[in-house]
Amino acid sequence: MPLIKHPKQERVAEASELKEIIVHEWKNPTTEPDKPVIVIDEDAGRFGATHVTVIWDQWQGMTQRERAGIVMDACEEVLSNEELRDVTLAMGLTKDEADRMHIQYHEGARV
């Protein structure tokens, strides 16, 4: 099977700002509708994998690869090294995308 290597892409200009907003919301959660919703599924599959999904309409117009990079950057800032090792999936979705994927993200919802 061939090995396909994608070249490193430049991060979008606002990546650092978006990451900081996610980190702030992760550390100081609010209920403001325009803030990112961080969904952490610590029992995602076997072996204690953790999935981190950030639901936020600010992702509009960004690729999944860009979104995932920003989410992982936020994870690196918030999580301990041990917790970070368990993250097997990081993604960013708009509310419409999360709804289409049936990802529950409202208060009191279970993932």
PDB file of N, CA and C in Angstrom:
ATOM      1  N   MET A   1       0.848  -1.173   0.000  1.00  0.00           N
ATOM      2  CA  MET A   1       0.000   0.000   0.000  1.00  0.00           C
ATOM      3  C   MET A   1       0.891   1.233   0.000  1.00  0.00           C
ATOM      4  N   PRO A   2       0.598   2.194  -0.858  1.00  0.00           N
ATOM      5  CA  PRO A   2       1.437   3.390  -0.930  1.00  0.00           C
ATOM      6  C   PRO A   2       1.267   4.285   0.298  1.00  0.00           C
ATOM      7  N   LEU A   3       2.288   5.004   0.577  1.00  0.00           N
ATOM      8  CA  LEU A   3       2.271   5.995   1.654  1.00  0.00           C
ATOM      9  C   LEU A   3       1.964   7.344   1.030  1.00  0.00           C
ATOM     10  N   ILE A   4       0.943   8.004   1.549  1.00  0.00           N
ATOM     11  CA  ILE A   4       0.572   9.323   1.046  1.00  0.00           C
ATOM     12  C   ILE A   4       0.869  10.332   2.143  1.00  0.00           C
ATOM     13  N   LYS A   5       1.699  11.283   1.825  1.00  0.00           N
ATOM     14  CA  LYS A   5       2.090  12.286   2.816  1.00  0.00           C
ATOM     15  C   LYS A   5       1.602  13.648   2.345  1.00  0.00           C
ATOM     16  N   HIS A   6       0.753  14.285   3.162  1.00  0.00           N
ATOM     17  CA  HIS A   6       0.260  15.617   2.832  1.00  0.00           C
ATOM     18  C   HIS A   6       1.246  16.655   3.361  1.00  0.00           C
ATOM     19  N   PRO A   7       1.541  17.668   2.581  1.00  0.00           N
ATOM     20  CA  PRO A   7       2.451  18.707   3.070  1.00  0.00           C
ATOM     21  C   PRO A   7       1.815  19.470   4.221  1.00  0.00           C
ATOM     22  N   LYS A   8       2.640  19.979   5.099  1.00  0.00           N
ATOM     23  CA  LYS A   8       2.146  20.767   6.224  1.00  0.00           C
ATOM     24  C   LYS A   8       1.451  22.009   5.685  1.00  0.00           C
ATOM     25  N   GLN A   9       0.252  22.257   6.184  1.00  0.00           N
ATOM     26  CA  GLN A   9      -0.507  23.414   5.728  1.00  0.00           C
ATOM     27  C   GLN A   9      -0.334  24.572   6.693  1.00  0.00           C
ATOM     28  N   GLU A  10      -0.400  25.763   6.128  1.00  0.00           N
ATOM     29  CA  GLU A  10      -0.378  26.963   6.958  1.00  0.00           C
ATOM     30  C   GLU A  10      -1.685  27.033   7.728  1.00  0.00           C
ATOM     31  N   ARG A  11      -1.617  27.368   8.984  1.00  0.00           N
ATOM     32  CA  ARG A  11      -2.828  27.545   9.781  1.00  0.00           C
ATOM     33  C   ARG A  11      -3.496  28.843   9.371  1.00  0.00           C
ATOM     34  N   VAL A  12      -4.806  28.857   9.444  1.00  0.00           N
ATOM     35  CA  VAL A  12      -5.526  30.084   9.120  1.00  0.00           C
ATOM     36  C   VAL A  12      -5.108  31.180  10.090  1.00  0.00           C
ATOM     37  N   ALA A  13      -5.191  32.407   9.625  1.00  0.00           N
ATOM     38  CA  ALA A  13      -4.698  33.546  10.405  1.00  0.00           C
ATOM     39  C   ALA A  13      -5.334  33.623  11.784  1.00  0.00           C
ATOM     40  N   GLU A  14      -6.630  33.311  11.873  1.00  0.00           N
ATOM     41  CA  GLU A  14      -7.309  33.473  13.153  1.00  0.00           C
ATOM     42  C   GLU A  14      -7.223  32.238  14.047  1.00  0.00           C
ATOM     43  N   ALA A  15      -6.418  31.236  13.662  1.00  0.00           N
ATOM     44  CA  ALA A  15      -6.338  29.989  14.421  1.00  0.00           C
ATOM     45  C   ALA A  15      -5.973  30.223  15.886  1.00  0.00           C
ATOM     46  N   SER A  16      -4.999  31.065  16.129  1.00  0.00           N
ATOM     47  CA  SER A  16      -4.562  31.325  17.503  1.00  0.00           C
ATOM     48  C   SER A  16      -5.680  31.962  18.325  1.00  0.00           C
ATOM     49  N   GLU A  17      -6.395  32.894  17.715  1.00  0.00           N
ATOM     50  CA  GLU A  17      -7.501  33.552  18.411  1.00  0.00           C
ATOM     51  C   GLU A  17      -8.626  32.559  18.725  1.00  0.00           C
ATOM     52  N   LEU A  18      -8.955  31.718  17.752  1.00  0.00           N
ATOM     53  CA  LEU A  18     -10.010  30.720  17.976  1.00  0.00           C
ATOM     54  C   LEU A  18      -9.610  29.739  19.071  1.00  0.00           C
ATOM     55  N   LYS A  19      -8.346  29.315  19.049  1.00  0.00           N
ATOM     56  CA  LYS A  19      -7.855  28.408  20.093  1.00  0.00           C
ATOM     57  C   LYS A  19      -7.985  29.048  21.470  1.00  0.00           C
ATOM     58  N   GLU A  20      -7.606  30.321  21.586  1.00  0.00           N
ATOM     59  CA  GLU A  20      -7.685  31.001  22.877  1.00  0.00           C
ATOM     60  C   GLU A  20      -9.129  31.102  23.381  1.00  0.00           C
ATOM     61  N   ILE A  21     -10.063  31.329  22.487  1.00  0.00           N
ATOM     62  CA  ILE A  21     -11.478  31.383  22.880  1.00  0.00           C
ATOM     63  C   ILE A  21     -11.930  30.017  23.388  1.00  0.00           C
ATOM     64  N   ILE A  22     -11.529  28.958  22.688  1.00  0.00           N
ATOM     65  CA  ILE A  22     -11.889  27.598  23.123  1.00  0.00           C
ATOM     66  C   ILE A  22     -11.286  27.302  24.490  1.00  0.00           C
ATOM     67  N   VAL A  23     -10.009  27.603  24.662  1.00  0.00           N
ATOM     68  CA  VAL A  23      -9.334  27.355  25.938  1.00  0.00           C
ATOM     69  C   VAL A  23     -10.027  28.121  27.063  1.00  0.00           C
ATOM     70  N   HIS A  24     -10.347  29.386  26.825  1.00  0.00           N
ATOM     71  CA  HIS A  24     -11.012  30.191  27.851  1.00  0.00           C
ATOM     72  C   HIS A  24     -12.364  29.583  28.209  1.00  0.00           C
ATOM     73  N   GLU A  25     -13.132  29.182  27.205  1.00  0.00           N
ATOM     74  CA  GLU A  25     -14.453  28.600  27.462  1.00  0.00           C
ATOM     75  C   GLU A  25     -14.325  27.253  28.175  1.00  0.00           C
ATOM     76  N   TRP A  26     -13.301  26.495  27.858  1.00  0.00           N
ATOM     77  CA  TRP A  26     -13.065  25.202  28.492  1.00  0.00           C
ATOM     78  C   TRP A  26     -12.771  25.399  29.979  1.00  0.00           C
ATOM     79  N   LYS A  27     -11.968  26.401  30.292  1.00  0.00           N
ATOM     80  CA  LYS A  27     -11.588  26.660  31.684  1.00  0.00           C
ATOM     81  C   LYS A  27     -12.653  27.432  32.452  1.00  0.00           C
ATOM     82  N   ASN A  28     -13.470  28.234  31.752  1.00  0.00           N
ATOM     83  CA  ASN A  28     -14.489  29.092  32.370  1.00  0.00           C
ATOM     84  C   ASN A  28     -15.795  28.979  31.586  1.00  0.00           C
ATOM     85  N   PRO A  29     -16.487  27.839  31.688  1.00  0.00           N
ATOM     86  CA  PRO A  29     -17.690  27.622  30.868  1.00  0.00           C
ATOM     87  C   PRO A  29     -18.780  28.669  31.112  1.00  0.00           C
ATOM     88  N   THR A  30     -19.426  29.062  30.008  1.00  0.00           N
ATOM     89  CA  THR A  30     -20.555  29.984  30.085  1.00  0.00           C
ATOM     90  C   THR A  30     -21.727  29.351  29.345  1.00  0.00           C
ATOM     91  N   THR A  31     -22.840  30.017  29.351  1.00  0.00           N
ATOM     92  CA  THR A  31     -24.002  29.538  28.608  1.00  0.00           C
ATOM     93  C   THR A  31     -24.344  30.477  27.458  1.00  0.00           C
ATOM     94  N   GLU A  32     -23.409  31.328  27.095  1.00  0.00           N
ATOM     95  CA  GLU A  32     -23.635  32.271  25.999  1.00  0.00           C
ATOM     96  C   GLU A  32     -23.770  31.502  24.683  1.00  0.00           C
ATOM     97  N   PRO A  33     -24.774  31.837  23.877  1.00  0.00           N
ATOM     98  CA  PRO A  33     -25.040  31.062  22.656  1.00  0.00           C
ATOM     99  C   PRO A  33     -23.964  31.155  21.579  1.00  0.00           C
ATOM    100  N   ASP A  34     -23.149  32.210  21.584  1.00  0.00           N
ATOM    101  CA  ASP A  34     -22.133  32.351  20.539  1.00  0.00           C
ATOM    102  C   ASP A  34     -20.786  31.752  20.926  1.00  0.00           C
ATOM    103  N   LYS A  35     -20.696  31.158  22.105  1.00  0.00           N
ATOM    104  CA  LYS A  35     -19.445  30.554  22.565  1.00  0.00           C
ATOM    105  C   LYS A  35     -19.380  29.092  22.123  1.00  0.00           C
ATOM    106  N   PRO A  36     -18.167  28.540  22.011  1.00  0.00           N
ATOM    107  CA  PRO A  36     -18.037  27.137  21.618  1.00  0.00           C
ATOM    108  C   PRO A  36     -18.573  26.207  22.704  1.00  0.00           C
ATOM    109  N   VAL A  37     -19.151  25.096  22.261  1.00  0.00           N
ATOM    110  CA  VAL A  37     -19.589  24.040  23.172  1.00  0.00           C
ATOM    111  C   VAL A  37     -18.584  22.909  23.035  1.00  0.00           C
ATOM    112  N   ILE A  38     -17.965  22.536  24.142  1.00  0.00           N
ATOM    113  CA  ILE A  38     -16.932  21.504  24.131  1.00  0.00           C
ATOM    114  C   ILE A  38     -17.538  20.218  24.670  1.00  0.00           C
ATOM    115  N   VAL A  39     -17.555  19.200  23.825  1.00  0.00           N
ATOM    116  CA  VAL A  39     -18.121  17.907  24.196  1.00  0.00           C
ATOM    117  C   VAL A  39     -16.957  16.934  24.342  1.00  0.00           C
ATOM    118  N   ILE A  40     -16.817  16.385  25.537  1.00  0.00           N
ATOM    119  CA  ILE A  40     -15.740  15.446  25.813  1.00  0.00           C
ATOM    120  C   ILE A  40     -16.354  14.086  26.111  1.00  0.00           C
ATOM    121  N   ASP A  41     -16.067  13.129  25.253  1.00  0.00           N
ATOM    122  CA  ASP A  41     -16.545  11.764  25.432  1.00  0.00           C
ATOM    123  C   ASP A  41     -15.352  10.934  25.888  1.00  0.00           C
ATOM    124  N   GLU A  42     -15.285  10.679  27.203  1.00  0.00           N
ATOM    125  CA  GLU A  42     -14.138   9.977  27.772  1.00  0.00           C
ATOM    126  C   GLU A  42     -14.238   8.467  27.663  1.00  0.00           C
ATOM    127  N   ASP A  43     -15.336   7.979  27.151  1.00  0.00           N
ATOM    128  CA  ASP A  43     -15.499   6.532  27.015  1.00  0.00           C
ATOM    129  C   ASP A  43     -15.852   6.216  25.570  1.00  0.00           C
ATOM    130  N   ALA A  44     -15.062   6.731  24.663  1.00  0.00           N
ATOM    131  CA  ALA A  44     -15.331   6.593  23.234  1.00  0.00           C
ATOM    132  C   ALA A  44     -14.640   5.341  22.699  1.00  0.00           C
ATOM    133  N   GLY A  45     -15.329   4.253  22.741  1.00  0.00           N
ATOM    134  CA  GLY A  45     -14.752   3.016  22.220  1.00  0.00           C
ATOM    135  C   GLY A  45     -13.927   2.302  23.267  1.00  0.00           C
ATOM    136  N   ARG A  46     -13.077   1.438  22.776  1.00  0.00           N
ATOM    137  CA  ARG A  46     -12.268   0.607  23.674  1.00  0.00           C
ATOM    138  C   ARG A  46     -11.030   1.348  24.159  1.00  0.00           C
ATOM    139  N   PHE A  47     -10.449   0.825  25.207  1.00  0.00           N
ATOM    140  CA  PHE A  47      -9.158   1.280  25.731  1.00  0.00           C
ATOM    141  C   PHE A  47      -9.161   2.707  26.261  1.00  0.00           C
ATOM    142  N   GLY A  48     -10.301   3.192  26.704  1.00  0.00           N
ATOM    143  CA  GLY A  48     -10.356   4.500  27.340  1.00  0.00           C
ATOM    144  C   GLY A  48     -10.073   5.675  26.433  1.00  0.00           C
ATOM    145  N   ALA A  49     -10.407   5.551  25.174  1.00  0.00           N
ATOM    146  CA  ALA A  49     -10.181   6.655  24.238  1.00  0.00           C
ATOM    147  C   ALA A  49     -11.070   7.843  24.575  1.00  0.00           C
ATOM    148  N   THR A  50     -10.581   9.032  24.285  1.00  0.00           N
ATOM    149  CA  THR A  50     -11.335  10.257  24.501  1.00  0.00           C
ATOM    150  C   THR A  50     -11.531  10.968  23.173  1.00  0.00           C
ATOM    151  N   HIS A  51     -12.766  11.386  22.910  1.00  0.00           N
ATOM    152  CA  HIS A  51     -13.067  12.194  21.734  1.00  0.00           C
ATOM    153  C   HIS A  51     -13.427  13.594  22.199  1.00  0.00           C
ATOM    154  N   VAL A  52     -12.862  14.594  21.561  1.00  0.00           N
ATOM    155  CA  VAL A  52     -13.147  15.991  21.887  1.00  0.00           C
ATOM    156  C   VAL A  52     -13.756  16.634  20.642  1.00  0.00           C
ATOM    157  N   THR A  53     -14.979  17.119  20.801  1.00  0.00           N
ATOM    158  CA  THR A  53     -15.676  17.786  19.711  1.00  0.00           C
ATOM    159  C   THR A  53     -16.027  19.194  20.162  1.00  0.00           C
ATOM    160  N   VAL A  54     -15.675  20.183  19.340  1.00  0.00           N
ATOM    161  CA  VAL A  54     -16.018  21.569  19.645  1.00  0.00           C
ATOM    162  C   VAL A  54     -17.084  21.992  18.638  1.00  0.00           C
ATOM    163  N   ILE A  55     -18.260  22.294  19.166  1.00  0.00           N
ATOM    164  CA  ILE A  55     -19.395  22.687  18.332  1.00  0.00           C
ATOM    165  C   ILE A  55     -19.514  24.200  18.409  1.00  0.00           C
ATOM    166  N   TRP A  56     -19.414  24.812  17.194  1.00  0.00           N
ATOM    167  CA  TRP A  56     -19.302  26.262  17.167  1.00  0.00           C
ATOM    168  C   TRP A  56     -19.492  26.734  15.735  1.00  0.00           C
ATOM    169  N   ASP A  57     -20.318  27.682  15.528  1.00  0.00           N
ATOM    170  CA  ASP A  57     -20.568  28.163  14.177  1.00  0.00           C
ATOM    171  C   ASP A  57     -19.416  28.988  13.603  1.00  0.00           C
ATOM    172  N   GLN A  58     -18.421  29.310  14.414  1.00  0.00           N
ATOM    173  CA  GLN A  58     -17.229  30.016  13.919  1.00  0.00           C
ATOM    174  C   GLN A  58     -16.402  29.147  12.974  1.00  0.00           C
ATOM    175  N   TRP A  59     -16.670  27.842  12.928  1.00  0.00           N
ATOM    176  CA  TRP A  59     -15.942  26.943  12.039  1.00  0.00           C
ATOM    177  C   TRP A  59     -16.328  27.131  10.573  1.00  0.00           C
ATOM    178  N   GLN A  60     -17.445  27.786  10.334  1.00  0.00           N
ATOM    179  CA  GLN A  60     -17.952  27.953   8.966  1.00  0.00           C
ATOM    180  C   GLN A  60     -16.831  28.415   8.040  1.00  0.00           C
ATOM    181  N   GLY A  61     -16.655  27.727   6.920  1.00  0.00           N
ATOM    182  CA  GLY A  61     -15.663  28.099   5.931  1.00  0.00           C
ATOM    183  C   GLY A  61     -14.283  27.510   6.153  1.00  0.00           C
ATOM    184  N   MET A  62     -14.075  26.782   7.246  1.00  0.00           N
ATOM    185  CA  MET A  62     -12.780  26.164   7.524  1.00  0.00           C
ATOM    186  C   MET A  62     -12.851  24.680   7.196  1.00  0.00           C
ATOM    187  N   THR A  63     -11.721  24.104   6.800  1.00  0.00           N
ATOM    188  CA  THR A  63     -11.678  22.681   6.522  1.00  0.00           C
ATOM    189  C   THR A  63     -11.683  21.882   7.826  1.00  0.00           C
ATOM    190  N   GLN A  64     -12.044  20.616   7.726  1.00  0.00           N
ATOM    191  CA  GLN A  64     -12.007  19.751   8.906  1.00  0.00           C
ATOM    192  C   GLN A  64     -10.592  19.635   9.454  1.00  0.00           C
ATOM    193  N   ARG A  65      -9.631  19.636   8.581  1.00  0.00           N
ATOM    194  CA  ARG A  65      -8.233  19.540   9.006  1.00  0.00           C
ATOM    195  C   ARG A  65      -7.824  20.764   9.827  1.00  0.00           C
ATOM    196  N   GLU A  66      -8.217  21.949   9.379  1.00  0.00           N
ATOM    197  CA  GLU A  66      -7.910  23.172  10.125  1.00  0.00           C
ATOM    198  C   GLU A  66      -8.597  23.149  11.486  1.00  0.00           C
ATOM    199  N   ARG A  67      -9.856  22.765  11.490  1.00  0.00           N
ATOM    200  CA  ARG A  67     -10.623  22.705  12.739  1.00  0.00           C
ATOM    201  C   ARG A  67      -9.981  21.739  13.731  1.00  0.00           C
ATOM    202  N   ALA A  68      -9.633  20.546  13.258  1.00  0.00           N
ATOM    203  CA  ALA A  68      -9.047  19.530  14.134  1.00  0.00           C
ATOM    204  C   ALA A  68      -7.726  20.009  14.729  1.00  0.00           C
ATOM    205  N   GLY A  69      -6.926  20.711  13.915  1.00  0.00           N
ATOM    206  CA  GLY A  69      -5.660  21.237  14.422  1.00  0.00           C
ATOM    207  C   GLY A  69      -5.864  22.238  15.543  1.00  0.00           C
ATOM    208  N   ILE A  70      -6.844  23.100  15.396  1.00  0.00           N
ATOM    209  CA  ILE A  70      -7.133  24.104  16.419  1.00  0.00           C
ATOM    210  C   ILE A  70      -7.653  23.425  17.694  1.00  0.00           C
ATOM    211  N   VAL A  71      -8.522  22.437  17.533  1.00  0.00           N
ATOM    212  CA  VAL A  71      -9.050  21.710  18.701  1.00  0.00           C
ATOM    213  C   VAL A  71      -7.910  20.998  19.425  1.00  0.00           C
ATOM    214  N   MET A  72      -7.010  20.351  18.676  1.00  0.00           N
ATOM    215  CA  MET A  72      -5.874  19.666  19.317  1.00  0.00           C
ATOM    216  C   MET A  72      -4.954  20.661  20.012  1.00  0.00           C
ATOM    217  N   ASP A  73      -4.737  21.831  19.415  1.00  0.00           N
ATOM    218  CA  ASP A  73      -3.925  22.858  20.073  1.00  0.00           C
ATOM    219  C   ASP A  73      -4.550  23.254  21.406  1.00  0.00           C
ATOM    220  N   ALA A  74      -5.877  23.390  21.437  1.00  0.00           N
ATOM    221  CA  ALA A  74      -6.573  23.723  22.691  1.00  0.00           C
ATOM    222  C   ALA A  74      -6.423  22.585  23.694  1.00  0.00           C
ATOM    223  N   CYS A  75      -6.555  21.348  23.219  1.00  0.00           N
ATOM    224  CA  CYS A  75      -6.391  20.185  24.110  1.00  0.00           C
ATOM    225  C   CYS A  75      -5.006  20.197  24.747  1.00  0.00           C
ATOM    226  N   GLU A  76      -3.988  20.501  23.945  1.00  0.00           N
ATOM    227  CA  GLU A  76      -2.619  20.524  24.455  1.00  0.00           C
ATOM    228  C   GLU A  76      -2.442  21.567  25.552  1.00  0.00           C
ATOM    229  N   GLU A  77      -3.202  22.635  25.477  1.00  0.00           N
ATOM    230  CA  GLU A  77      -3.085  23.688  26.484  1.00  0.00           C
ATOM    231  C   GLU A  77      -3.863  23.370  27.755  1.00  0.00           C
ATOM    232  N   VAL A  78      -4.961  22.629  27.633  1.00  0.00           N
ATOM    233  CA  VAL A  78      -5.853  22.402  28.768  1.00  0.00           C
ATOM    234  C   VAL A  78      -5.590  21.068  29.474  1.00  0.00           C
ATOM    235  N   LEU A  79      -5.304  20.031  28.727  1.00  0.00           N
ATOM    236  CA  LEU A  79      -5.201  18.687  29.290  1.00  0.00           C
ATOM    237  C   LEU A  79      -3.788  18.373  29.758  1.00  0.00           C
ATOM    238  N   SER A  80      -3.700  17.479  30.719  1.00  0.00           N
ATOM    239  CA  SER A  80      -2.390  16.987  31.153  1.00  0.00           C
ATOM    240  C   SER A  80      -1.845  16.061  30.063  1.00  0.00           C
ATOM    241  N   ASN A  81      -0.552  15.755  30.130  1.00  0.00           N
ATOM    242  CA  ASN A  81       0.045  14.847  29.150  1.00  0.00           C
ATOM    243  C   ASN A  81      -0.645  13.489  29.156  1.00  0.00           C
ATOM    244  N   GLU A  82      -0.994  13.004  30.331  1.00  0.00           N
ATOM    245  CA  GLU A  82      -1.668  11.708  30.447  1.00  0.00           C
ATOM    246  C   GLU A  82      -3.051  11.755  29.786  1.00  0.00           C
ATOM    247  N   GLU A  83      -3.808  12.817  30.026  1.00  0.00           N
ATOM    248  CA  GLU A  83      -5.124  12.960  29.408  1.00  0.00           C
ATOM    249  C   GLU A  83      -5.002  13.135  27.893  1.00  0.00           C
ATOM    250  N   LEU A  84      -3.996  13.866  27.473  1.00  0.00           N
ATOM    251  CA  LEU A  84      -3.791  14.136  26.055  1.00  0.00           C
ATOM    252  C   LEU A  84      -3.503  12.858  25.272  1.00  0.00           C
ATOM    253  N   ARG A  85      -2.796  11.922  25.896  1.00  0.00           N
ATOM    254  CA  ARG A  85      -2.490  10.653  25.226  1.00  0.00           C
ATOM    255  C   ARG A  85      -3.747   9.863  24.881  1.00  0.00           C
ATOM    256  N   ASP A  86      -4.831  10.087  25.621  1.00  0.00           N
ATOM    257  CA  ASP A  86      -6.070   9.351  25.385  1.00  0.00           C
ATOM    258  C   ASP A  86      -6.940   9.953  24.290  1.00  0.00           C
ATOM    259  N   VAL A  87      -6.617  11.164  23.837  1.00  0.00           N
ATOM    260  CA  VAL A  87      -7.424  11.813  22.795  1.00  0.00           C
ATOM    261  C   VAL A  87      -7.130  11.140  21.462  1.00  0.00           C
ATOM    262  N   THR A  88      -8.146  10.467  20.920  1.00  0.00           N
ATOM    263  CA  THR A  88      -7.986   9.774  19.639  1.00  0.00           C
ATOM    264  C   THR A  88      -8.754  10.462  18.513  1.00  0.00           C
ATOM    265  N   LEU A  89      -9.608  11.408  18.863  1.00  0.00           N
ATOM    266  CA  LEU A  89     -10.367  12.139  17.858  1.00  0.00           C
ATOM    267  C   LEU A  89     -10.596  13.557  18.350  1.00  0.00           C
ATOM    268  N   ALA A  90     -10.269  14.518  17.507  1.00  0.00           N
ATOM    269  CA  ALA A  90     -10.539  15.925  17.798  1.00  0.00           C
ATOM    270  C   ALA A  90     -11.181  16.508  16.551  1.00  0.00           C
ATOM    271  N   MET A  91     -12.363  17.084  16.722  1.00  0.00           N
ATOM    272  CA  MET A  91     -13.008  17.678  15.554  1.00  0.00           C
ATOM    273  C   MET A  91     -13.806  18.895  15.941  1.00  0.00           C
ATOM    274  N   GLY A  92     -14.006  19.749  14.946  1.00  0.00           N
ATOM    275  CA  GLY A  92     -14.825  20.936  15.104  1.00  0.00           C
ATOM    276  C   GLY A  92     -16.008  20.845  14.163  1.00  0.00           C
ATOM    277  N   LEU A  93     -17.193  21.089  14.683  1.00  0.00           N
ATOM    278  CA  LEU A  93     -18.414  21.028  13.889  1.00  0.00           C
ATOM    279  C   LEU A  93     -19.255  22.273  14.123  1.00  0.00           C
ATOM    280  N   THR A  94     -19.958  22.707  13.087  1.00  0.00           N
ATOM    281  CA  THR A  94     -20.964  23.742  13.292  1.00  0.00           C
ATOM    282  C   THR A  94     -22.176  23.081  13.940  1.00  0.00           C
ATOM    283  N   LYS A  95     -23.095  23.882  14.434  1.00  0.00           N
ATOM    284  CA  LYS A  95     -24.296  23.317  15.058  1.00  0.00           C
ATOM    285  C   LYS A  95     -25.094  22.488  14.061  1.00  0.00           C
ATOM    286  N   ASP A  96     -25.205  22.963  12.816  1.00  0.00           N
ATOM    287  CA  ASP A  96     -25.925  22.195  11.797  1.00  0.00           C
ATOM    288  C   ASP A  96     -25.248  20.855  11.536  1.00  0.00           C
ATOM    289  N   GLU A  97     -23.920  20.855  11.460  1.00  0.00           N
ATOM    290  CA  GLU A  97     -23.191  19.604  11.235  1.00  0.00           C
ATOM    291  C   GLU A  97     -23.385  18.643  12.406  1.00  0.00           C
ATOM    292  N   ALA A  98     -23.314  19.166  13.620  1.00  0.00           N
ATOM    293  CA  ALA A  98     -23.515  18.320  14.804  1.00  0.00           C
ATOM    294  C   ALA A  98     -24.930  17.743  14.825  1.00  0.00           C
ATOM    295  N   ASP A  99     -25.910  18.558  14.458  1.00  0.00           N
ATOM    296  CA  ASP A  99     -27.290  18.074  14.406  1.00  0.00           C
ATOM    297  C   ASP A  99     -27.434  16.962  13.372  1.00  0.00           C
ATOM    298  N   ARG A 100     -26.830  17.137  12.204  1.00  0.00           N
ATOM    299  CA  ARG A 100     -26.911  16.107  11.160  1.00  0.00           C
ATOM    300  C   ARG A 100     -26.247  14.808  11.589  1.00  0.00           C
ATOM    301  N   MET A 101     -25.233  14.915  12.437  1.00  0.00           N
ATOM    302  CA  MET A 101     -24.518  13.727  12.919  1.00  0.00           C
ATOM    303  C   MET A 101     -25.129  13.182  14.206  1.00  0.00           C
ATOM    304  N   HIS A 102     -26.220  13.809  14.656  1.00  0.00           N
ATOM    305  CA  HIS A 102     -26.930  13.398  15.876  1.00  0.00           C
ATOM    306  C   HIS A 102     -26.030  13.444  17.110  1.00  0.00           C
ATOM    307  N   ILE A 103     -25.170  14.452  17.154  1.00  0.00           N
ATOM    308  CA  ILE A 103     -24.325  14.654  18.327  1.00  0.00           C
ATOM    309  C   ILE A 103     -25.071  15.558  19.287  1.00  0.00           C
ATOM    310  N   GLN A 104     -25.299  15.059  20.472  1.00  0.00           N
ATOM    311  CA  GLN A 104     -26.027  15.798  21.493  1.00  0.00           C
ATOM    312  C   GLN A 104     -25.066  16.786  22.159  1.00  0.00           C
ATOM    313  N   TYR A 105     -25.453  18.039  22.176  1.00  0.00           N
ATOM    314  CA  TYR A 105     -24.571  19.045  22.776  1.00  0.00           C
ATOM    315  C   TYR A 105     -25.304  20.066  23.632  1.00  0.00           C
ATOM    316  N   HIS A 106     -26.571  19.856  23.840  1.00  0.00           N
ATOM    317  CA  HIS A 106     -27.333  20.778  24.680  1.00  0.00           C
ATOM    318  C   HIS A 106     -27.171  20.392  26.142  1.00  0.00           C
ATOM    319  N   GLU A 107     -27.371  21.341  27.028  1.00  0.00           N
ATOM    320  CA  GLU A 107     -27.235  21.089  28.465  1.00  0.00           C
ATOM    321  C   GLU A 107     -28.060  19.885  28.882  1.00  0.00           C
ATOM    322  N   GLY A 108     -27.444  19.004  29.617  1.00  0.00           N
ATOM    323  CA  GLY A 108     -28.138  17.801  30.103  1.00  0.00           C
ATOM    324  C   GLY A 108     -28.159  16.675  29.099  1.00  0.00           C
ATOM    325  N   ALA A 109     -27.679  16.899  27.883  1.00  0.00           N
ATOM    326  CA  ALA A 109     -27.677  15.842  26.880  1.00  0.00           C
ATOM    327  C   ALA A 109     -26.539  14.881  27.129  1.00  0.00           C
ATOM    328  N   ARG A 110     -26.754  13.651  26.783  1.00  0.00           N
ATOM    329  CA  ARG A 110     -25.705  12.635  26.896  1.00  0.00           C
ATOM    330  C   ARG A 110     -25.133  12.376  25.516  1.00  0.00           C
ATOM    331  N   VAL A 111     -23.855  12.167  25.469  1.00  0.00           N
ATOM    332  CA  VAL A 111     -23.174  11.897  24.196  1.00  0.00           C
ATOM    333  C   VAL A 111     -23.319  10.431  23.869  1.00  0.00           C
TER     334      VAL A 111
END
